[in-house]
Protein backbone atom coordinates (compact mmCIF):
# COMPACT_ATOMS: atom_id res chain seq x y z
CA MET A 1 25.11 37.81 144.09
CA VAL A 2 22.20 38.92 143.98
CA PRO A 3 20.78 40.89 145.94
CA PHE A 4 17.95 39.86 148.18
CA TYR A 5 15.83 42.81 148.00
CA CYS A 6 11.89 43.73 149.10
CA THR A 7 9.37 43.28 146.27
CA TRP A 8 7.01 45.71 148.11
CA ILE A 9 9.57 48.76 148.43
CA ASP A 10 8.79 52.17 146.59
CA GLU A 11 10.16 54.88 146.81
CA ASP A 12 8.82 56.37 149.81
CA LEU A 13 10.15 53.40 151.40
CA ARG A 14 13.18 53.54 149.87
CA ILE A 15 13.82 57.22 151.27
CA PHE A 16 12.47 55.97 155.02
CA SER A 17 15.56 52.69 154.65
CA GLU A 18 17.92 55.74 154.25
CA SER A 19 16.35 57.18 157.73
CA VAL A 20 16.63 54.08 159.41
CA ASN A 21 19.95 52.94 158.47
CA LYS A 22 21.65 56.63 159.50
CA PHE A 23 20.08 56.35 162.84
CA ILE A 24 21.80 52.39 163.03
CA ASP A 25 25.28 54.38 161.84
CA LYS A 26 24.71 57.15 164.45
CA GLU A 27 23.04 55.80 167.41
CA ILE A 28 23.30 51.75 167.30
CA ALA A 29 26.40 50.21 165.60
CA PRO A 30 29.27 52.40 167.41
CA TYR A 31 27.69 50.94 170.58
CA TYR A 32 26.10 47.79 170.21
CA GLU A 33 28.80 45.69 170.66
CA LYS A 34 29.70 47.28 174.19
CA TRP A 35 25.56 46.80 174.98
CA GLU A 36 25.80 43.02 174.23
CA ASP A 37 28.84 43.40 176.66
CA ASP A 38 27.13 45.20 179.17
CA ALA A 39 23.56 43.26 178.44
CA TRP A 40 21.96 46.44 178.65
CA MET A 41 20.72 49.18 176.37
CA PRO A 42 20.04 52.35 177.69
CA ARG A 43 17.06 54.03 178.66
CA GLU A 44 17.10 57.00 176.48
CA ILE A 45 17.71 54.84 172.52
CA TRP A 46 14.06 54.42 173.57
CA ASN A 47 13.71 58.52 173.35
CA LYS A 48 16.05 58.66 170.17
CA LEU A 49 14.01 56.50 168.66
CA GLY A 50 10.95 58.34 169.22
CA GLN A 51 12.46 61.33 168.31
CA ALA A 52 13.75 59.80 164.81
CA GLY A 53 10.94 58.41 163.88
CA LEU A 54 10.81 55.24 164.54
CA LEU A 55 8.33 53.87 166.67
CA CYS A 56 4.45 53.45 166.13
CA VAL A 57 4.91 54.39 162.25
CA ASP A 58 2.25 52.54 161.36
CA MET A 59 -0.55 54.36 164.08
CA PRO A 60 -2.93 57.04 162.96
CA GLU A 61 -1.50 60.96 162.89
CA GLU A 62 -3.61 62.02 165.97
CA TYR A 63 -1.59 59.39 167.58
CA GLY A 64 1.78 60.68 166.88
CA GLY A 65 1.85 58.26 163.62
CA PHE A 66 2.72 58.58 160.62
CA GLY A 67 -0.45 57.19 159.45
CA VAL A 68 1.21 54.57 157.17
CA ASP A 69 0.72 51.05 156.51
CA PHE A 70 2.41 47.96 157.97
CA LYS A 71 5.40 48.12 155.48
CA PHE A 72 6.75 50.73 156.93
CA ALA A 73 7.13 48.88 160.39
CA ALA A 74 8.44 45.66 158.53
CA LEU A 75 11.10 47.85 157.01
CA ILE A 76 12.33 48.52 160.09
CA ASN A 77 12.71 45.36 161.40
CA ASP A 78 14.28 44.08 158.49
CA ILE A 79 16.74 46.61 158.01
CA PHE A 80 17.81 46.34 162.39
CA TYR A 81 17.52 42.40 162.13
CA ARG A 82 19.68 42.72 158.31
CA ARG A 83 22.26 45.10 160.34
CA GLY A 84 22.88 42.50 162.70
CA VAL A 85 21.22 44.52 165.68
CA GLY A 86 18.02 42.49 165.75
CA ALA A 87 17.85 42.71 169.47
CA ILE A 88 16.90 46.37 169.54
CA ALA A 89 14.38 45.60 166.95
CA GLY A 90 12.70 42.18 167.80
CA GLY A 91 12.08 42.02 171.27
CA GLY A 92 12.23 45.67 171.63
CA ILE A 93 10.35 48.01 168.73
CA ALA A 94 7.88 45.27 167.55
CA VAL A 95 6.99 44.65 171.08
CA HIS A 96 6.72 48.19 171.50
CA ALA A 97 5.03 49.33 168.65
CA GLY A 98 3.79 46.42 166.77
CA ILE A 99 2.57 44.36 169.48
CA VAL A 100 1.37 46.59 172.75
CA GLY A 101 0.84 49.94 170.12
CA HIS A 102 -1.63 47.74 168.55
CA TYR A 103 -3.65 46.02 170.75
CA ILE A 104 -4.42 49.70 172.55
CA LEU A 105 -5.24 51.01 169.03
CA ASN A 106 -7.82 48.33 167.93
CA MET A 107 -9.30 47.74 171.51
CA GLY A 108 -8.50 51.02 173.99
CA THR A 109 -11.22 53.43 174.15
CA GLU A 110 -10.67 57.10 172.45
CA ALA A 111 -9.15 57.79 176.16
CA GLN A 112 -6.27 54.92 176.15
CA LYS A 113 -5.44 55.91 172.98
CA GLN A 114 -5.34 59.67 173.35
CA LYS A 115 -3.41 59.07 176.83
CA TYR A 116 -0.88 56.33 175.84
CA LEU A 117 -0.25 55.75 172.09
CA PRO A 118 1.14 59.48 171.41
CA LYS A 119 3.64 58.97 174.81
CA MET A 120 4.55 55.23 172.98
CA ALA A 121 5.62 57.08 169.41
CA CYS A 122 7.33 59.60 171.03
CA GLY A 123 9.26 57.30 173.64
CA GLU A 124 8.24 58.64 176.47
CA CYS A 125 6.51 55.80 177.05
CA VAL A 126 8.04 52.40 176.78
CA GLY A 127 5.02 49.41 176.48
CA ALA A 128 5.43 46.08 177.14
CA ILE A 129 3.08 42.42 176.74
CA GLY A 130 2.15 40.34 179.96
CA MET A 131 1.35 36.87 178.75
CA THR A 132 4.33 34.77 179.28
CA GLU A 133 4.07 32.58 182.84
CA PRO A 134 6.55 30.67 184.83
CA GLY A 135 3.89 27.52 184.51
CA ALA A 136 2.19 28.39 181.23
CA GLY A 137 4.57 28.87 178.30
CA SER A 138 2.11 28.88 175.24
CA ASP A 139 -0.94 28.07 176.95
CA LEU A 140 -2.52 31.34 177.05
CA LYS A 141 -5.65 29.46 178.20
CA ALA A 142 -3.72 28.13 181.24
CA LEU A 143 -3.13 31.48 183.03
CA LYS A 144 -3.15 31.92 186.44
CA THR A 145 -2.63 35.87 186.95
CA SER A 146 -6.27 36.74 188.02
CA ALA A 147 -8.21 39.97 188.51
CA LYS A 148 -11.02 39.95 190.67
CA LYS A 149 -13.42 42.64 190.73
CA VAL A 150 -13.97 45.39 193.66
CA ASP A 151 -15.70 48.59 193.96
CA GLY A 152 -14.14 50.75 191.12
CA GLY A 153 -11.84 47.94 189.70
CA TYR A 154 -10.23 45.17 189.91
CA VAL A 155 -7.37 43.54 192.07
CA ILE A 156 -4.64 41.86 190.36
CA ASN A 157 -2.16 39.37 191.61
CA GLY A 158 0.16 36.60 189.98
CA SER A 159 3.30 36.93 188.15
CA LYS A 160 5.03 37.12 184.03
CA THR A 161 8.29 35.90 183.20
CA PHE A 162 10.43 36.58 180.25
CA ILE A 163 8.73 40.03 179.58
CA SER A 164 10.82 42.27 177.01
CA ASN A 165 11.43 45.38 177.73
CA GLY A 166 10.28 44.60 181.23
CA GLN A 167 12.91 46.28 183.17
CA HIS A 168 13.03 49.46 181.02
CA CYS A 169 8.86 49.75 180.30
CA ASP A 170 6.31 51.88 181.68
CA ILE A 171 3.17 50.33 180.92
CA VAL A 172 2.36 46.92 180.10
CA VAL A 173 -1.07 45.30 178.71
CA LEU A 174 -1.71 42.18 180.87
CA ALA A 175 -3.17 39.01 180.84
CA CYS A 176 -5.54 38.10 183.51
CA LYS A 177 -8.06 35.71 184.65
CA THR A 178 -11.52 37.33 185.20
CA ASP A 179 -13.55 34.20 185.04
CA PRO A 180 -11.45 31.41 186.29
CA ASN A 181 -13.70 28.61 185.44
CA ALA A 182 -14.46 29.90 182.12
CA GLY A 183 -11.19 28.68 179.99
CA ALA A 184 -9.84 30.86 177.21
CA LYS A 185 -13.14 32.72 177.72
CA GLY A 186 -12.69 33.92 181.17
CA VAL A 187 -8.95 36.04 180.00
CA SER A 188 -9.38 39.70 179.78
CA LEU A 189 -6.22 42.41 179.42
CA PHE A 190 -6.09 45.28 181.53
CA ILE A 191 -3.13 48.41 180.52
CA VAL A 192 -1.44 48.72 183.80
CA ASP A 193 1.27 51.36 184.75
CA ALA A 194 4.16 50.26 185.81
CA ASP A 195 4.14 52.52 189.09
CA THR A 196 1.12 51.07 189.81
CA LYS A 197 1.28 50.13 193.62
CA GLY A 198 1.71 46.29 193.82
CA PHE A 199 3.39 46.44 190.51
CA VAL A 200 6.96 45.07 191.22
CA LYS A 201 9.44 44.74 188.43
CA GLY A 202 11.67 41.63 189.64
CA GLN A 203 14.99 40.38 188.23
CA LYS A 204 16.53 40.65 184.26
CA LEU A 205 16.64 37.56 183.02
CA LYS A 206 19.77 36.18 182.28
CA LYS A 207 19.49 34.46 178.08
CA LEU A 208 22.09 32.63 175.72
CA GLY A 209 21.52 35.50 173.19
CA ILE A 210 20.11 38.96 172.53
CA HIS A 211 21.91 40.05 175.52
CA CYS A 212 21.03 43.99 175.90
CA GLN A 213 17.55 43.60 175.01
CA ASP A 214 15.55 43.58 178.41
CA THR A 215 13.46 40.02 179.31
CA SER A 216 12.30 40.44 182.95
CA GLU A 217 10.08 38.83 185.63
CA LEU A 218 7.60 40.80 186.80
CA PHE A 219 5.26 39.85 190.00
CA PHE A 220 1.74 41.72 190.92
CA ASP A 221 0.42 41.64 194.61
CA ASP A 222 -2.83 42.54 195.67
CA MET A 223 -2.45 45.13 192.48
CA PHE A 224 -5.28 47.70 192.44
CA VAL A 225 -6.41 48.67 189.05
CA PRO A 226 -9.22 51.02 188.06
CA ASP A 227 -12.68 49.78 185.57
CA ASP A 228 -10.87 52.32 183.33
CA ALA A 229 -8.03 49.93 183.35
CA LEU A 230 -9.54 46.95 181.17
CA LEU A 231 -8.56 46.91 177.73
CA GLY A 232 -11.52 45.76 175.48
CA PRO A 233 -14.73 43.74 176.71
CA LEU A 234 -13.92 41.92 179.59
CA ASN A 235 -13.53 37.82 178.78
CA THR A 236 -12.89 38.83 175.68
CA GLY A 237 -8.94 38.81 176.34
CA PHE A 238 -7.97 35.84 174.22
CA ILE A 239 -10.16 36.27 171.23
CA ALA A 240 -8.01 39.53 170.73
CA MET A 241 -4.75 37.99 171.46
CA MET A 242 -5.93 35.14 168.58
CA LYS A 243 -6.41 38.17 166.42
CA GLU A 244 -3.08 40.13 167.12
CA LEU A 245 -0.63 36.98 166.69
CA PRO A 246 -0.68 36.77 163.65
CA ARG A 247 1.97 40.36 163.20
CA GLU A 248 3.87 39.36 165.65
CA ARG A 249 4.53 36.21 163.97
CA LEU A 250 5.08 37.94 160.45
CA LEU A 251 7.11 40.18 162.32
CA LEU A 252 9.31 38.10 164.03
CA ALA A 253 9.35 36.10 160.26
CA VAL A 254 10.94 39.67 158.76
CA GLY A 255 13.22 39.84 160.72
CA GLY A 256 14.64 35.88 160.55
CA GLN A 257 14.87 36.67 157.36
CA ALA A 258 16.56 39.68 157.03
CA ALA A 259 18.93 38.24 159.54
CA ALA A 260 19.52 35.09 157.22
CA GLU A 261 20.46 37.40 154.58
CA GLY A 262 22.70 39.34 156.12
CA MET A 263 24.53 36.31 157.71
CA LEU A 264 24.82 35.48 153.96
CA GLU A 265 26.02 38.47 153.13
CA ILE A 266 28.63 38.62 155.57
CA THR A 267 29.93 35.11 155.60
CA ILE A 268 30.42 35.77 151.80
CA ASP A 269 32.33 38.56 152.24
CA TYR A 270 34.34 36.37 154.75
CA VAL A 271 35.30 33.25 152.89
CA LYS A 272 36.41 35.16 149.80
CA GLU A 273 39.53 36.77 152.44
CA ARG A 274 40.08 33.68 154.12
CA ASN A 275 42.73 31.45 153.21
CA ALA A 276 43.03 27.86 153.99
CA PHE A 277 45.09 25.25 152.38
CA GLY A 278 46.58 27.67 150.26
CA LYS A 279 43.95 29.17 148.81
CA ARG A 280 40.48 31.11 149.81
CA ILE A 281 37.72 29.25 151.32
CA ALA A 282 35.48 30.76 148.91
CA ASP A 283 37.34 28.52 145.79
CA PHE A 284 36.64 24.98 147.49
CA GLN A 285 33.52 23.64 146.11
CA ASN A 286 32.10 22.38 149.22
CA THR A 287 31.98 26.43 149.90
CA ARG A 288 30.20 27.04 146.70
CA PHE A 289 28.00 24.09 147.30
CA LYS A 290 26.80 24.78 150.63
CA LEU A 291 26.56 28.76 149.93
CA ALA A 292 24.17 27.86 146.71
CA GLU A 293 21.62 25.48 148.72
CA LEU A 294 21.52 28.06 152.05
CA ALA A 295 20.89 31.34 149.36
CA THR A 296 18.47 29.53 147.15
CA GLY A 297 16.35 28.70 150.68
CA VAL A 298 16.57 32.33 152.03
CA ARG A 299 15.96 33.87 148.50
CA VAL A 300 12.37 31.08 147.80
CA GLN A 301 11.86 31.85 151.51
CA LYS A 302 11.65 35.30 150.75
CA ALA A 303 8.80 35.34 148.28
CA PHE A 304 6.58 34.19 150.84
CA VAL A 305 7.44 36.41 153.14
CA ASP A 306 7.28 39.43 151.10
CA GLN A 307 3.76 37.78 149.96
CA CYS A 308 2.56 37.83 153.73
CA VAL A 309 4.10 41.94 154.34
CA MET A 310 1.38 42.72 151.40
CA LEU A 311 -1.11 40.33 153.20
CA LEU A 312 -0.81 42.13 156.36
CA ALA A 313 -0.95 45.57 155.18
CA GLU A 314 -4.20 44.40 153.41
CA ASN A 315 -5.25 43.12 156.70
CA LYS A 316 -5.76 39.90 154.96
CA LEU A 317 -2.92 37.67 156.92
CA ASP A 318 -4.74 34.52 158.88
CA ALA A 319 -3.15 32.74 161.53
CA VAL A 320 -2.32 29.42 159.48
CA THR A 321 -0.76 31.19 156.68
CA ALA A 322 1.67 33.98 159.34
CA SER A 323 1.93 30.63 161.14
CA MET A 324 3.88 29.35 158.19
CA ALA A 325 6.07 31.99 157.85
CA LYS A 326 7.00 31.84 161.26
CA LEU A 327 7.83 28.17 161.76
CA HIS A 328 9.46 28.43 157.74
CA VAL A 329 11.29 31.32 158.19
CA THR A 330 12.80 30.70 161.96
CA GLU A 331 13.87 27.05 161.07
CA LEU A 332 15.59 27.99 158.75
CA GLN A 333 16.96 30.60 159.99
CA GLY A 334 18.70 28.67 162.69
CA LYS A 335 20.74 26.37 159.81
CA VAL A 336 22.07 29.11 158.01
CA ALA A 337 23.14 30.89 161.28
CA ASP A 338 24.99 27.11 162.13
CA GLU A 339 26.08 26.48 158.21
CA CYS A 340 27.62 30.39 158.30
CA LEU A 341 29.38 29.86 161.68
CA GLN A 342 31.09 27.23 160.30
CA PHE A 343 32.62 28.68 157.96
CA PHE A 344 34.41 31.25 160.56
CA GLY A 345 35.89 28.31 161.86
CA GLY A 346 37.01 28.54 165.22
CA TYR A 347 36.86 33.15 164.69
CA GLY A 348 32.82 31.98 164.11
CA TYR A 349 32.99 30.97 167.81
CA MET A 350 34.43 34.16 169.39
CA THR A 351 31.42 36.75 170.22
CA GLU A 352 33.39 39.53 168.89
CA TYR A 353 32.30 38.31 165.69
CA ARG A 354 28.66 39.09 164.61
CA ILE A 355 28.31 35.49 163.09
CA ALA A 356 28.50 34.09 167.03
CA ARG A 357 25.93 36.90 168.03
CA GLU A 358 23.67 36.04 165.38
CA PHE A 359 24.12 31.93 166.04
CA VAL A 360 23.25 32.49 169.67
CA ASP A 361 20.11 35.61 168.80
CA ALA A 362 18.69 32.71 166.06
CA ARG A 363 17.81 30.38 168.77
CA VAL A 364 15.03 32.07 170.65
CA GLN A 365 13.39 32.68 167.53
CA ARG A 366 12.13 29.21 167.07
CA ILE A 367 10.55 30.06 170.81
CA TYR A 368 9.18 32.68 171.46
CA GLY A 369 6.03 34.40 169.64
CA GLY A 370 4.97 30.53 169.75
CA THR A 371 7.11 27.77 169.77
CA SER A 372 7.84 25.51 166.23
CA GLU A 373 5.75 22.79 167.69
CA ILE A 374 2.87 25.57 168.55
CA MET A 375 2.96 26.97 164.98
CA LYS A 376 3.30 22.86 163.62
CA GLU A 377 -0.17 22.01 165.77
CA ILE A 378 -2.21 25.24 164.31
CA ILE A 379 -1.03 24.14 160.85
CA GLY A 380 -2.16 20.97 161.24
CA ARG A 381 -5.50 21.47 162.80
CA GLU A 382 -6.66 23.62 159.78
CA LEU A 383 -5.46 21.31 157.15
CA ILE A 384 -7.06 18.26 158.76
CA LYS A 385 -10.52 19.94 159.97
CA ASP A 386 -13.91 18.93 158.88
């Protein structure tokens, strides 16, 4: 099989990929199935990720990073998903380093950067993003969590749900309404420490897939935060979120692409070994045709995803192109998961088989980071605008 290689891999990235794979071999792969069964990843894994240099890699060195570009962060996502341990990368590392870290880097004061980013890079401080609410979903303009100005700061009330890293988090970048009459123009962001009085971590939510990655409800009851908790200018949170979403959506696309490639690889190996009616499953024409269709689609898609990675590394990726990548990749990932599982027969339905985990994990890709329907709306509006 012609390998699915990244066109942007150079020698530095190749060497880096070896260290990522070694970390997975030692610290993740031997325990991953148990973590999935337990629906819990130990907190110390964050510290180990930091010690291995796998957190906030594309941050400046003065804040604990390596000062490298987005391709290094993308490669971490790629390898974790390709190896079938994407739950730790997508909802974990990508949220912590790729989203929360970059909000602080791009919007924070120097004091905020110095306070939080080095701790995030070493795994001492775990970050989460508090956007989604029970009644809002993908509609970020409909936020109800409020932050009312008082002497010396703000009092925050409200709740968030489906928060990745919600149990492990030490800080949350929290989206709140600071002007309830201004719609999207009345949203602000705050950096909130999890030990703040009035900050309550709710139950760890039970999910269809990505079990070991913690997802939670968060509640805020008359929670006071000081003025210096405000992240960026007042009432500019929605604009900031729109600017950061391309990175989030491309990380999801990179992970989905790698997951599809990984599923194809393990399926091809399996059909060569499994026999039915006196011959290998690989020797049936239907098998060859199905795999040919899937591999071709994934290979063609790879070229577009790689182009998007290069664009983001050069700070040139726009929201519509990122939405296209997220939409197409996650939809195809679901198809690959479904059709590859079919080749495994009854074994594909057994959770000890990786393909079963990949199948359920793939489903959320079309939901979080903006649903497929939201992606279509973004793309469609751009196509017909005057």
